Amino acid sequence: MTSSVPNAIFDWIGRIDKTQTPEELIAELAKVAAEFGFEATAIAAYPHPNIPFEKRILAHHWSRGWIEHYLSQNYIETDPVFRHSRTSLRPFEFSEAPYEKKSKEAQMMNELAEFGFSAGFCVPTLTPYGPINVAFAGERSELSREDQGMLHFIAIYAQLRATELLVGKLKAVAEVLKLSPRELEVLQWCAEGKTSDAIAETLGISTHTVLTHIGGACRKLGTRSRTAAVAKAVHAGWITLAP
């Protein structure tokens, strides 16, 4: 890595830290995206049926045509990139998000490419207010590992600044995603390695109720398994792993 690379990263982070509004933040992030060959960027909370679309997208620099098309087709509910971010704790390229060839997900990805976004990079992050993704899109080729590392680093800073600037909006989203005390308790026992039957016996409730709490936590955290839910809850600092 040349000496100019870390200097550029710190310069980008410095400009992001100085932003005072979501509009300024996304404008600076768009400049970073352009340096890596991307034309669009967005910071968004996870899809959730009880969260209006306008509250999910915290800030974006994306073509209005695509946003309107995305909404009209209700792609927010079937977006394979969002879906993959539910189970991935690491950044990934859009091409790594799996989907069936003849499906609405495939249709969305094909149409995304037609709008000029044939490639992209998604950085899943966790905040005290729930999971948030930072995404970049354009027509560029695949990223090198070095480029992925730099974008990952910058995206985390952008998400932190977005959290500071949009704390009120994020709290509103968090109220929907907020885990109940019982859901957290059940996840903590999952983290301890207990089975559903063992958790039920410990808490004096039915196994069905335990599974209901696990299912509720998975829905709120946007995961498909208790293992992924536990991983995200640990990462967010809500529960701890057994020593």
Protein backbone atom coordinates (compact mmCIF):
# COMPACT_ATOMS: atom_id res chain seq x y z
CA MET A 1 0.00 0.00 0.00
CA THR A 2 1.44 3.38 -0.93
CA SER A 3 1.62 6.24 1.59
CA SER A 4 -1.02 8.16 -0.39
CA VAL A 5 -3.69 5.54 0.33
CA PRO A 6 -3.91 5.98 4.13
CA ASN A 7 -3.69 9.74 3.62
CA ALA A 8 -6.69 9.60 1.28
CA ILE A 9 -8.66 7.48 3.77
CA PHE A 10 -8.05 9.93 6.61
CA ASP A 11 -8.95 12.82 4.34
CA TRP A 12 -12.27 11.15 3.41
CA ILE A 13 -13.01 10.35 7.07
CA GLY A 14 -12.20 13.92 8.08
CA ARG A 15 -14.63 15.32 5.51
CA ILE A 16 -17.33 12.87 6.60
CA ASP A 17 -16.85 13.82 10.26
CA LYS A 18 -17.28 17.50 9.44
CA THR A 19 -20.68 17.09 7.78
CA GLN A 20 -23.56 18.75 9.60
CA THR A 21 -26.59 17.37 7.73
CA PRO A 22 -27.56 14.04 6.12
CA GLU A 23 -27.40 15.81 2.73
CA GLU A 24 -23.81 16.89 3.33
CA LEU A 25 -22.91 13.41 4.55
CA ILE A 26 -24.29 11.60 1.52
CA ALA A 27 -22.66 14.16 -0.79
CA GLU A 28 -19.27 13.40 0.73
CA LEU A 29 -19.91 9.66 0.63
CA ALA A 30 -20.88 9.99 -3.04
CA LYS A 31 -17.48 11.59 -3.72
CA VAL A 32 -15.80 8.61 -2.06
CA ALA A 33 -17.96 6.23 -4.09
CA ALA A 34 -16.86 7.99 -7.29
CA GLU A 35 -13.21 7.43 -6.38
CA PHE A 36 -13.92 3.70 -6.44
CA GLY A 37 -15.90 3.83 -9.68
CA PHE A 38 -19.39 3.85 -8.18
CA GLU A 39 -22.13 6.31 -9.17
CA ALA A 40 -24.57 5.69 -6.31
CA THR A 41 -24.54 5.20 -2.56
CA ALA A 42 -27.11 4.81 0.21
CA ILE A 43 -27.38 4.32 3.97
CA ALA A 44 -30.45 2.27 4.88
CA ALA A 45 -32.04 0.42 7.78
CA TYR A 46 -33.23 -3.15 7.30
CA PRO A 47 -36.59 -3.72 5.60
CA HIS A 48 -39.41 -4.29 8.05
CA PRO A 49 -43.17 -4.49 7.35
CA ASN A 50 -43.93 -1.94 10.08
CA ILE A 51 -41.33 0.62 8.98
CA PRO A 52 -42.33 2.97 6.11
CA PHE A 53 -39.89 3.05 3.20
CA GLU A 54 -38.98 6.69 3.83
CA LYS A 55 -37.75 5.77 7.30
CA ARG A 56 -35.68 2.85 6.06
CA ILE A 57 -33.61 4.96 3.67
CA LEU A 58 -31.65 7.29 5.93
CA ALA A 59 -29.74 9.05 3.14
CA HIS A 60 -29.02 8.28 -0.50
CA HIS A 61 -27.38 9.50 -3.69
CA TRP A 62 -29.21 7.32 -6.20
CA SER A 63 -31.08 7.98 -9.43
CA ARG A 64 -34.67 9.05 -8.87
CA GLY A 65 -35.72 6.82 -11.77
CA TRP A 66 -34.44 3.70 -10.04
CA ILE A 67 -35.89 4.67 -6.65
CA GLU A 68 -39.33 5.20 -8.19
CA HIS A 69 -39.12 1.92 -10.11
CA TYR A 70 -37.90 0.07 -6.99
CA LEU A 71 -40.89 1.38 -5.06
CA SER A 72 -43.44 0.70 -7.79
CA GLN A 73 -42.31 -2.95 -8.00
CA ASN A 74 -42.17 -3.31 -4.19
CA TYR A 75 -38.63 -4.66 -4.48
CA ILE A 76 -37.90 -3.68 -0.88
CA GLU A 77 -39.56 -6.95 0.18
CA THR A 78 -37.56 -9.22 -2.17
CA ASP A 79 -34.24 -7.39 -2.60
CA PRO A 80 -31.57 -10.15 -2.60
CA VAL A 81 -28.87 -7.72 -1.42
CA PHE A 82 -30.89 -6.75 1.64
CA ARG A 83 -31.77 -10.40 2.22
CA HIS A 84 -28.13 -11.50 2.08
CA SER A 85 -27.11 -8.73 4.48
CA ARG A 86 -29.40 -10.32 7.09
CA THR A 87 -27.07 -13.30 7.42
CA SER A 88 -23.73 -11.74 6.49
CA LEU A 89 -21.60 -10.01 9.11
CA ARG A 90 -19.00 -9.19 6.46
CA PRO A 91 -19.17 -6.78 3.50
CA PHE A 92 -19.99 -8.38 0.16
CA GLU A 93 -20.36 -7.55 -3.51
CA PHE A 94 -23.85 -7.57 -4.99
CA SER A 95 -22.81 -10.52 -7.15
CA GLU A 96 -22.36 -12.59 -3.97
CA ALA A 97 -26.03 -12.23 -2.98
CA PRO A 98 -27.72 -15.54 -3.98
CA TYR A 99 -31.06 -15.72 -5.78
CA GLU A 100 -32.93 -18.04 -8.13
CA LYS A 101 -32.41 -17.37 -11.83
CA LYS A 102 -36.11 -17.19 -12.70
CA SER A 103 -37.45 -15.14 -9.80
CA LYS A 104 -38.49 -11.64 -8.84
CA GLU A 105 -35.07 -11.24 -7.23
CA ALA A 106 -33.39 -12.02 -10.57
CA GLN A 107 -35.76 -9.61 -12.30
CA MET A 108 -34.76 -6.89 -9.84
CA MET A 109 -31.03 -7.48 -10.32
CA ASN A 110 -31.40 -7.47 -14.12
CA GLU A 111 -33.36 -4.24 -14.05
CA LEU A 112 -30.85 -2.73 -11.62
CA ALA A 113 -28.15 -3.40 -14.22
CA GLU A 114 -30.32 -1.82 -16.93
CA PHE A 115 -30.41 1.34 -14.84
CA GLY A 116 -26.60 1.39 -14.84
CA PHE A 117 -25.91 -0.43 -11.59
CA SER A 118 -24.51 -3.78 -12.68
CA ALA A 119 -22.11 -3.98 -9.74
CA GLY A 120 -22.21 -3.00 -6.10
CA PHE A 121 -20.77 -3.39 -2.63
CA CYS A 122 -22.75 -3.68 0.61
CA VAL A 123 -21.41 -3.10 4.14
CA PRO A 124 -23.75 -4.44 6.86
CA THR A 125 -23.30 -2.66 10.21
CA LEU A 126 -24.91 -2.83 13.63
CA THR A 127 -25.91 0.16 15.74
CA PRO A 128 -27.67 0.63 19.11
CA TYR A 129 -30.77 1.30 16.98
CA GLY A 130 -30.58 -1.84 14.87
CA PRO A 131 -28.83 -3.07 11.69
CA ILE A 132 -27.93 -0.54 8.98
CA ASN A 133 -26.46 -1.15 5.53
CA VAL A 134 -24.14 1.15 3.60
CA ALA A 135 -24.25 0.36 -0.13
CA PHE A 136 -22.38 1.50 -3.24
CA ALA A 137 -23.42 0.76 -6.83
CA GLY A 138 -22.34 1.42 -10.41
CA GLU A 139 -20.94 -0.28 -13.50
CA ARG A 140 -17.40 -0.89 -12.34
CA SER A 141 -15.74 -4.32 -12.23
CA GLU A 142 -15.15 -6.32 -9.06
CA LEU A 143 -13.28 -4.64 -6.20
CA SER A 144 -9.80 -5.68 -5.14
CA ARG A 145 -9.43 -6.84 -1.53
CA GLU A 146 -7.61 -3.60 -0.76
CA ASP A 147 -10.46 -1.53 -2.19
CA GLN A 148 -12.98 -3.61 -0.25
CA GLY A 149 -11.06 -2.97 2.97
CA MET A 150 -10.93 0.78 2.37
CA LEU A 151 -14.63 1.03 1.52
CA HIS A 152 -15.50 -1.09 4.56
CA PHE A 153 -13.52 1.25 6.80
CA ILE A 154 -15.05 4.39 5.31
CA ALA A 155 -18.59 2.95 5.36
CA ILE A 156 -18.33 2.32 9.10
CA TYR A 157 -17.40 5.96 9.68
CA ALA A 158 -20.22 7.11 7.42
CA GLN A 159 -22.69 4.95 9.35
CA LEU A 160 -21.42 6.38 12.65
CA ARG A 161 -21.88 9.93 11.40
CA ALA A 162 -25.33 9.07 10.03
CA THR A 163 -26.24 7.68 13.44
CA GLU A 164 -25.20 10.94 15.07
CA LEU A 165 -27.05 13.11 12.56
CA LEU A 166 -30.19 10.98 12.39
CA VAL A 167 -30.55 9.80 15.96
CA GLY A 168 -34.23 10.87 16.16
CA LYS A 169 -35.15 8.99 12.98
CA LEU A 170 -33.16 5.95 14.06
CA LYS A 171 -34.90 5.87 17.44
CA ALA A 172 -38.24 5.70 15.63
CA VAL A 173 -36.95 2.73 13.61
CA ALA A 174 -35.46 1.14 16.73
CA GLU A 175 -38.80 1.19 18.51
CA VAL A 176 -40.10 -1.20 15.85
CA LEU A 177 -36.97 -3.37 15.90
CA LYS A 178 -36.52 -3.28 19.69
CA LEU A 179 -36.18 -6.70 21.25
CA SER A 180 -38.36 -7.39 24.27
CA PRO A 181 -36.68 -8.33 27.59
CA ARG A 182 -37.90 -11.91 27.12
CA GLU A 183 -36.54 -12.09 23.55
CA LEU A 184 -33.16 -10.92 24.82
CA GLU A 185 -33.28 -13.42 27.67
CA VAL A 186 -34.04 -16.28 25.30
CA LEU A 187 -31.24 -15.19 22.93
CA GLN A 188 -28.85 -15.04 25.88
CA TRP A 189 -29.70 -18.66 26.74
CA CYS A 190 -29.21 -19.56 23.06
CA ALA A 191 -25.78 -17.95 23.29
CA GLU A 192 -25.12 -20.19 26.32
CA GLY A 193 -25.75 -23.19 24.07
CA LYS A 194 -29.08 -24.28 25.52
CA THR A 195 -31.67 -26.03 23.36
CA SER A 196 -35.22 -24.71 23.05
CA ASP A 197 -36.45 -27.45 25.41
CA ALA A 198 -33.77 -26.58 27.98
CA ILE A 199 -34.58 -22.88 27.77
CA ALA A 200 -38.27 -23.65 28.26
CA GLU A 201 -37.50 -25.69 31.37
CA THR A 202 -35.21 -23.00 32.78
CA LEU A 203 -37.73 -20.20 32.26
CA GLY A 204 -40.79 -22.22 33.17
CA ILE A 205 -42.49 -21.65 29.80
CA SER A 206 -43.43 -23.90 26.90
CA THR A 207 -41.07 -24.81 24.08
CA HIS A 208 -43.59 -23.25 21.69
CA THR A 209 -43.29 -19.93 23.55
CA VAL A 210 -39.49 -20.14 23.40
CA LEU A 211 -39.65 -20.68 19.64
CA THR A 212 -42.07 -17.74 19.34
CA HIS A 213 -39.58 -15.46 21.12
CA ILE A 214 -36.74 -16.70 18.94
CA GLY A 215 -38.85 -16.12 15.83
CA GLY A 216 -39.69 -12.59 16.99
CA ALA A 217 -36.02 -11.79 17.58
CA CYS A 218 -35.08 -13.17 14.15
CA ARG A 219 -37.71 -11.03 12.42
CA LYS A 220 -36.61 -7.86 14.21
CA LEU A 221 -32.93 -8.51 13.51
CA GLY A 222 -33.60 -9.57 9.93
CA THR A 223 -32.07 -13.03 10.31
CA ARG A 224 -33.21 -16.51 9.33
CA SER A 225 -31.70 -18.51 12.17
CA ARG A 226 -31.13 -18.26 15.90
CA THR A 227 -27.38 -18.53 15.31
CA ALA A 228 -27.38 -15.42 13.11
CA ALA A 229 -29.66 -13.61 15.58
CA VAL A 230 -27.31 -14.44 18.45
CA ALA A 231 -24.30 -13.27 16.41
CA LYS A 232 -25.93 -9.93 15.64
CA ALA A 233 -27.14 -9.43 19.22
CA VAL A 234 -23.63 -10.16 20.53
CA HIS A 235 -22.09 -7.83 17.96
CA ALA A 236 -24.49 -5.07 19.05
CA GLY A 237 -23.57 -5.64 22.70
CA TRP A 238 -27.09 -6.69 23.77
CA ILE A 239 -26.04 -10.14 24.99
CA THR A 240 -22.73 -11.88 25.70
CA LEU A 241 -21.22 -15.20 24.66
CA ALA A 242 -20.51 -17.81 27.30
CA PRO A 243 -16.82 -17.90 28.31
